[in-house]
Amino acid sequence: MKKLFHLLLILFLFSCDDRKTVLPTACVAEMQLFFSKDLKCTEPGAWERHLNEAEYDGEYIYFTEIMCMTCNYAQPTVGYNCSKEKVEFGNYGALKNIRRVYDSCDNRFL
């Protein structure tokens, strides 16, 4: 009985996924569709393009950010709000609370 308990415990521990499923807000889901053709993960760890969210001038904006170790891409200067209106923020440093909301490599919301 003790061996069975340990076996079940081991199976349970290895079956747990530390990545939790996150349900996106309506806006984030809409932005993922809006940027869907741009959200790619050609080579994980080498060339990735994810959806980010940030606060700018009192509203949330969404933009893609390229993750490439060997590329020399400039940081984004344009995003879109939930109404799909273009927002030019010019300086990436003006953004607050930047976070990834969709991971293109894992095809999941964060």
N, C-alpha and C. Protein backbone atom coordinates (compact mmCIF):
# COMPACT_ATOMS: atom_id res chain seq x y z
N MET A 1 0.82 -1.19 0.00
CA MET A 1 0.00 0.00 0.00
C MET A 1 0.86 1.26 0.00
N LYS A 2 1.95 1.22 0.78
CA LYS A 2 2.84 2.36 0.87
C LYS A 2 3.52 2.61 -0.48
N LYS A 3 3.91 1.54 -1.18
CA LYS A 3 4.54 1.68 -2.49
C LYS A 3 3.57 2.28 -3.50
N LEU A 4 2.32 1.85 -3.43
CA LEU A 4 1.30 2.39 -4.32
C LEU A 4 1.11 3.88 -4.08
N PHE A 5 1.08 4.28 -2.83
CA PHE A 5 0.94 5.69 -2.48
C PHE A 5 2.10 6.51 -3.04
N HIS A 6 3.32 6.01 -2.87
CA HIS A 6 4.49 6.73 -3.38
C HIS A 6 4.47 6.80 -4.91
N LEU A 7 4.05 5.73 -5.55
CA LEU A 7 3.95 5.72 -7.01
C LEU A 7 2.94 6.77 -7.48
N LEU A 8 1.79 6.81 -6.84
CA LEU A 8 0.78 7.80 -7.20
C LEU A 8 1.26 9.22 -6.93
N LEU A 9 1.97 9.41 -5.85
CA LEU A 9 2.51 10.73 -5.52
C LEU A 9 3.52 11.17 -6.57
N ILE A 10 4.39 10.29 -6.99
CA ILE A 10 5.38 10.61 -8.01
C ILE A 10 4.69 10.94 -9.34
N LEU A 11 3.71 10.15 -9.72
CA LEU A 11 2.97 10.43 -10.95
C LEU A 11 2.28 11.78 -10.88
N PHE A 12 1.69 12.09 -9.75
CA PHE A 12 1.02 13.37 -9.57
C PHE A 12 2.00 14.53 -9.70
N LEU A 13 3.15 14.42 -9.07
CA LEU A 13 4.14 15.50 -9.11
C LEU A 13 4.68 15.73 -10.51
N PHE A 14 4.90 14.66 -11.25
CA PHE A 14 5.42 14.82 -12.61
C PHE A 14 4.35 15.21 -13.61
N SER A 15 3.10 15.03 -13.27
CA SER A 15 2.04 15.41 -14.19
C SER A 15 1.65 16.87 -14.04
N CYS A 16 2.09 17.53 -12.98
CA CYS A 16 1.76 18.94 -12.77
C CYS A 16 2.58 19.81 -13.71
N ASP A 17 1.93 20.79 -14.27
CA ASP A 17 2.59 21.74 -15.14
C ASP A 17 2.63 23.07 -14.40
N ASP A 18 3.83 23.62 -14.24
CA ASP A 18 3.94 24.86 -13.48
C ASP A 18 3.44 26.07 -14.27
N ARG A 19 3.14 25.90 -15.55
CA ARG A 19 2.59 26.98 -16.35
C ARG A 19 1.07 26.94 -16.25
N LYS A 20 0.52 27.95 -15.64
CA LYS A 20 -0.92 28.00 -15.44
C LYS A 20 -1.62 28.51 -16.69
N THR A 21 -2.81 28.00 -16.93
CA THR A 21 -3.62 28.48 -18.03
C THR A 21 -4.22 29.83 -17.63
N VAL A 22 -4.04 30.80 -18.49
CA VAL A 22 -4.54 32.14 -18.22
C VAL A 22 -5.59 32.47 -19.27
N LEU A 23 -6.74 32.90 -18.81
CA LEU A 23 -7.77 33.36 -19.73
C LEU A 23 -7.53 34.83 -20.02
N PRO A 24 -7.40 35.19 -21.28
CA PRO A 24 -7.12 36.59 -21.60
C PRO A 24 -8.37 37.46 -21.45
N THR A 25 -8.14 38.74 -21.26
CA THR A 25 -9.25 39.68 -21.29
C THR A 25 -9.73 39.76 -22.74
N ALA A 26 -10.90 40.32 -22.94
CA ALA A 26 -11.44 40.45 -24.30
C ALA A 26 -10.50 41.28 -25.16
N CYS A 27 -9.93 42.32 -24.58
CA CYS A 27 -9.02 43.18 -25.34
C CYS A 27 -7.75 42.44 -25.74
N VAL A 28 -7.15 41.70 -24.84
CA VAL A 28 -5.93 40.96 -25.14
C VAL A 28 -6.20 39.91 -26.22
N ALA A 29 -7.33 39.22 -26.13
CA ALA A 29 -7.68 38.22 -27.14
C ALA A 29 -7.87 38.88 -28.51
N GLU A 30 -8.49 40.05 -28.51
CA GLU A 30 -8.71 40.78 -29.75
C GLU A 30 -7.38 41.26 -30.34
N MET A 31 -6.49 41.71 -29.49
CA MET A 31 -5.17 42.17 -29.96
C MET A 31 -4.34 41.01 -30.48
N GLN A 32 -4.49 39.83 -29.89
CA GLN A 32 -3.78 38.66 -30.39
C GLN A 32 -4.25 38.34 -31.81
N LEU A 33 -5.54 38.46 -32.06
CA LEU A 33 -6.05 38.25 -33.41
C LEU A 33 -5.60 39.35 -34.36
N PHE A 34 -5.60 40.58 -33.88
CA PHE A 34 -5.19 41.73 -34.67
C PHE A 34 -3.73 41.59 -35.14
N PHE A 35 -2.86 41.11 -34.26
CA PHE A 35 -1.44 40.95 -34.59
C PHE A 35 -1.08 39.53 -35.03
N SER A 36 -2.04 38.67 -35.22
CA SER A 36 -1.77 37.24 -35.43
C SER A 36 -0.77 36.95 -36.55
N LYS A 37 -0.80 37.70 -37.63
CA LYS A 37 0.14 37.43 -38.73
C LYS A 37 1.58 37.80 -38.37
N ASP A 38 1.74 38.66 -37.36
CA ASP A 38 3.08 39.08 -36.95
C ASP A 38 3.65 38.23 -35.81
N LEU A 39 2.79 37.56 -35.07
CA LEU A 39 3.23 36.79 -33.89
C LEU A 39 3.79 35.45 -34.34
N LYS A 40 5.12 35.34 -34.30
CA LYS A 40 5.78 34.14 -34.80
C LYS A 40 6.91 33.74 -33.87
N CYS A 41 7.24 32.48 -33.97
CA CYS A 41 8.38 31.96 -33.23
C CYS A 41 9.12 31.04 -34.20
N THR A 42 9.94 31.64 -35.03
CA THR A 42 10.66 30.89 -36.06
C THR A 42 11.65 29.92 -35.46
N GLU A 43 12.42 30.42 -34.47
CA GLU A 43 13.41 29.59 -33.80
C GLU A 43 13.46 29.99 -32.33
N PRO A 44 12.83 29.22 -31.44
CA PRO A 44 12.81 29.58 -30.02
C PRO A 44 14.21 29.87 -29.48
N GLY A 45 14.32 31.00 -28.80
CA GLY A 45 15.60 31.41 -28.25
C GLY A 45 16.46 32.19 -29.22
N ALA A 46 16.11 32.17 -30.51
CA ALA A 46 16.91 32.88 -31.51
C ALA A 46 16.09 33.96 -32.21
N TRP A 47 14.84 33.66 -32.60
CA TRP A 47 13.98 34.65 -33.26
C TRP A 47 12.54 34.42 -32.83
N GLU A 48 12.05 35.35 -32.03
CA GLU A 48 10.68 35.25 -31.51
C GLU A 48 10.02 36.62 -31.62
N ARG A 49 8.71 36.61 -31.81
CA ARG A 49 7.94 37.86 -31.83
C ARG A 49 6.67 37.64 -31.00
N HIS A 50 6.58 38.36 -29.88
CA HIS A 50 5.49 38.18 -28.93
C HIS A 50 4.64 39.44 -28.81
N LEU A 51 3.48 39.28 -28.19
CA LEU A 51 2.57 40.41 -27.95
C LEU A 51 2.80 40.95 -26.55
N ASN A 52 3.04 42.25 -26.46
CA ASN A 52 3.27 42.91 -25.19
C ASN A 52 2.17 43.93 -24.91
N GLU A 53 2.01 44.22 -23.63
CA GLU A 53 1.06 45.23 -23.17
C GLU A 53 1.85 46.22 -22.31
N ALA A 54 1.49 47.49 -22.38
CA ALA A 54 2.14 48.50 -21.55
C ALA A 54 1.16 49.65 -21.31
N GLU A 55 1.45 50.41 -20.28
CA GLU A 55 0.66 51.61 -20.01
C GLU A 55 1.37 52.81 -20.64
N TYR A 56 0.58 53.62 -21.33
CA TYR A 56 1.12 54.84 -21.91
C TYR A 56 0.04 55.91 -21.90
N ASP A 57 0.35 57.02 -21.30
CA ASP A 57 -0.55 58.16 -21.26
C ASP A 57 -1.95 57.78 -20.75
N GLY A 58 -1.98 56.96 -19.71
CA GLY A 58 -3.24 56.61 -19.06
C GLY A 58 -4.05 55.50 -19.71
N GLU A 59 -3.52 54.85 -20.73
CA GLU A 59 -4.25 53.74 -21.36
C GLU A 59 -3.31 52.59 -21.65
N TYR A 60 -3.88 51.41 -21.84
CA TYR A 60 -3.09 50.25 -22.20
C TYR A 60 -2.92 50.24 -23.71
N ILE A 61 -1.70 49.95 -24.12
CA ILE A 61 -1.44 49.78 -25.55
C ILE A 61 -0.78 48.42 -25.75
N TYR A 62 -0.87 47.94 -26.97
CA TYR A 62 -0.36 46.62 -27.33
C TYR A 62 0.55 46.74 -28.53
N PHE A 63 1.64 45.98 -28.52
CA PHE A 63 2.61 46.02 -29.60
C PHE A 63 3.38 44.71 -29.61
N THR A 64 3.98 44.43 -30.75
CA THR A 64 4.82 43.24 -30.83
C THR A 64 6.24 43.64 -30.51
N GLU A 65 6.95 42.70 -29.93
CA GLU A 65 8.35 42.93 -29.64
C GLU A 65 9.16 41.75 -30.14
N ILE A 66 10.19 42.05 -30.88
CA ILE A 66 11.04 41.01 -31.45
C ILE A 66 12.13 40.64 -30.46
N MET A 67 12.28 39.36 -30.24
CA MET A 67 13.33 38.83 -29.38
C MET A 67 14.30 38.08 -30.30
N CYS A 68 15.47 38.68 -30.52
CA CYS A 68 16.46 38.09 -31.41
C CYS A 68 17.84 38.42 -30.88
N MET A 69 18.60 37.41 -30.52
CA MET A 69 19.91 37.61 -29.92
C MET A 69 20.93 38.17 -30.90
N THR A 70 20.83 37.82 -32.18
CA THR A 70 21.84 38.24 -33.15
C THR A 70 21.37 39.37 -34.05
N CYS A 71 20.13 39.80 -33.91
CA CYS A 71 19.60 40.87 -34.74
C CYS A 71 19.80 42.22 -34.06
N ASN A 72 19.74 43.25 -34.83
CA ASN A 72 19.90 44.58 -34.29
C ASN A 72 18.63 45.39 -34.58
N TYR A 73 17.52 44.99 -33.97
CA TYR A 73 16.25 45.65 -34.18
C TYR A 73 16.08 46.79 -33.19
N ALA A 74 15.46 47.87 -33.66
CA ALA A 74 15.14 48.98 -32.77
C ALA A 74 13.91 48.61 -31.95
N GLN A 75 13.81 49.19 -30.77
CA GLN A 75 12.64 48.95 -29.93
C GLN A 75 11.42 49.60 -30.58
N PRO A 76 10.24 49.04 -30.33
CA PRO A 76 9.03 49.58 -30.96
C PRO A 76 8.74 51.01 -30.49
N THR A 77 8.10 51.77 -31.36
CA THR A 77 7.71 53.15 -31.05
C THR A 77 6.23 53.39 -31.30
N VAL A 78 5.53 52.34 -31.73
CA VAL A 78 4.11 52.43 -32.07
C VAL A 78 3.37 51.24 -31.49
N GLY A 79 2.16 51.46 -31.03
CA GLY A 79 1.30 50.40 -30.54
C GLY A 79 -0.14 50.71 -30.89
N TYR A 80 -1.04 49.88 -30.40
CA TYR A 80 -2.47 50.07 -30.66
C TYR A 80 -3.23 49.91 -29.36
N ASN A 81 -4.29 50.71 -29.20
CA ASN A 81 -5.14 50.55 -28.02
C ASN A 81 -6.24 49.53 -28.34
N CYS A 82 -7.13 49.30 -27.39
CA CYS A 82 -8.18 48.28 -27.59
C CYS A 82 -9.14 48.63 -28.72
N SER A 83 -9.22 49.90 -29.07
CA SER A 83 -10.08 50.32 -30.18
C SER A 83 -9.35 50.22 -31.51
N LYS A 84 -8.14 49.67 -31.49
CA LYS A 84 -7.28 49.49 -32.66
C LYS A 84 -6.85 50.82 -33.27
N GLU A 85 -6.77 51.83 -32.41
CA GLU A 85 -6.27 53.12 -32.84
C GLU A 85 -4.76 53.13 -32.64
N LYS A 86 -4.06 53.61 -33.63
CA LYS A 86 -2.60 53.66 -33.57
C LYS A 86 -2.16 54.69 -32.53
N VAL A 87 -1.23 54.29 -31.69
CA VAL A 87 -0.69 55.17 -30.64
C VAL A 87 0.82 55.24 -30.83
N GLU A 88 1.33 56.43 -31.12
CA GLU A 88 2.77 56.62 -31.28
C GLU A 88 3.34 57.12 -29.97
N PHE A 89 4.17 56.31 -29.36
CA PHE A 89 4.76 56.71 -28.08
C PHE A 89 6.20 57.17 -28.25
N GLY A 90 6.77 56.98 -29.41
CA GLY A 90 8.08 57.50 -29.74
C GLY A 90 9.23 56.92 -28.93
N ASN A 91 9.18 57.08 -27.63
CA ASN A 91 10.26 56.64 -26.76
C ASN A 91 9.82 55.42 -25.95
N TYR A 92 10.49 54.32 -26.15
CA TYR A 92 10.16 53.08 -25.43
C TYR A 92 10.24 53.27 -23.92
N GLY A 93 11.09 54.17 -23.49
CA GLY A 93 11.25 54.46 -22.07
C GLY A 93 10.03 55.13 -21.45
N ALA A 94 9.13 55.65 -22.27
CA ALA A 94 7.91 56.31 -21.77
C ALA A 94 6.84 55.30 -21.35
N LEU A 95 7.04 54.03 -21.70
CA LEU A 95 6.07 52.99 -21.37
C LEU A 95 6.24 52.54 -19.92
N LYS A 96 5.13 52.22 -19.29
CA LYS A 96 5.16 51.72 -17.91
C LYS A 96 4.55 50.31 -17.86
N ASN A 97 5.02 49.54 -16.92
CA ASN A 97 4.47 48.19 -16.66
C ASN A 97 4.40 47.33 -17.93
N ILE A 98 5.50 47.26 -18.63
CA ILE A 98 5.54 46.45 -19.85
C ILE A 98 5.53 44.98 -19.46
N ARG A 99 4.67 44.22 -20.12
CA ARG A 99 4.63 42.79 -19.85
C ARG A 99 4.17 42.04 -21.09
N ARG A 100 4.67 40.83 -21.22
CA ARG A 100 4.25 39.96 -22.33
C ARG A 100 2.89 39.38 -21.98
N VAL A 101 1.96 39.44 -22.92
CA VAL A 101 0.62 38.90 -22.68
C VAL A 101 0.33 37.68 -23.54
N TYR A 102 1.15 37.47 -24.59
CA TYR A 102 0.97 36.28 -25.43
C TYR A 102 2.35 35.79 -25.86
N ASP A 103 2.62 34.53 -25.60
CA ASP A 103 3.88 33.90 -25.96
C ASP A 103 3.69 33.12 -27.26
N SER A 104 4.34 33.57 -28.32
CA SER A 104 4.18 32.94 -29.63
C SER A 104 4.82 31.57 -29.71
N CYS A 105 5.86 31.33 -28.94
CA CYS A 105 6.52 30.02 -28.98
C CYS A 105 5.67 28.94 -28.33
N ASP A 106 5.02 29.30 -27.23
CA ASP A 106 4.16 28.33 -26.54
C ASP A 106 2.71 28.43 -26.97
N ASN A 107 2.38 29.41 -27.80
CA ASN A 107 1.00 29.65 -28.25
C ASN A 107 0.05 29.71 -27.06
N ARG A 108 0.38 30.59 -26.11
CA ARG A 108 -0.47 30.70 -24.94
C ARG A 108 -0.45 32.11 -24.37
N PHE A 109 -1.54 32.45 -23.72
CA PHE A 109 -1.66 33.74 -23.05
C PHE A 109 -0.98 33.66 -21.69
N LEU A 110 -0.42 34.76 -21.27
CA LEU A 110 0.29 34.81 -20.00
C LEU A 110 -0.43 35.70 -19.00
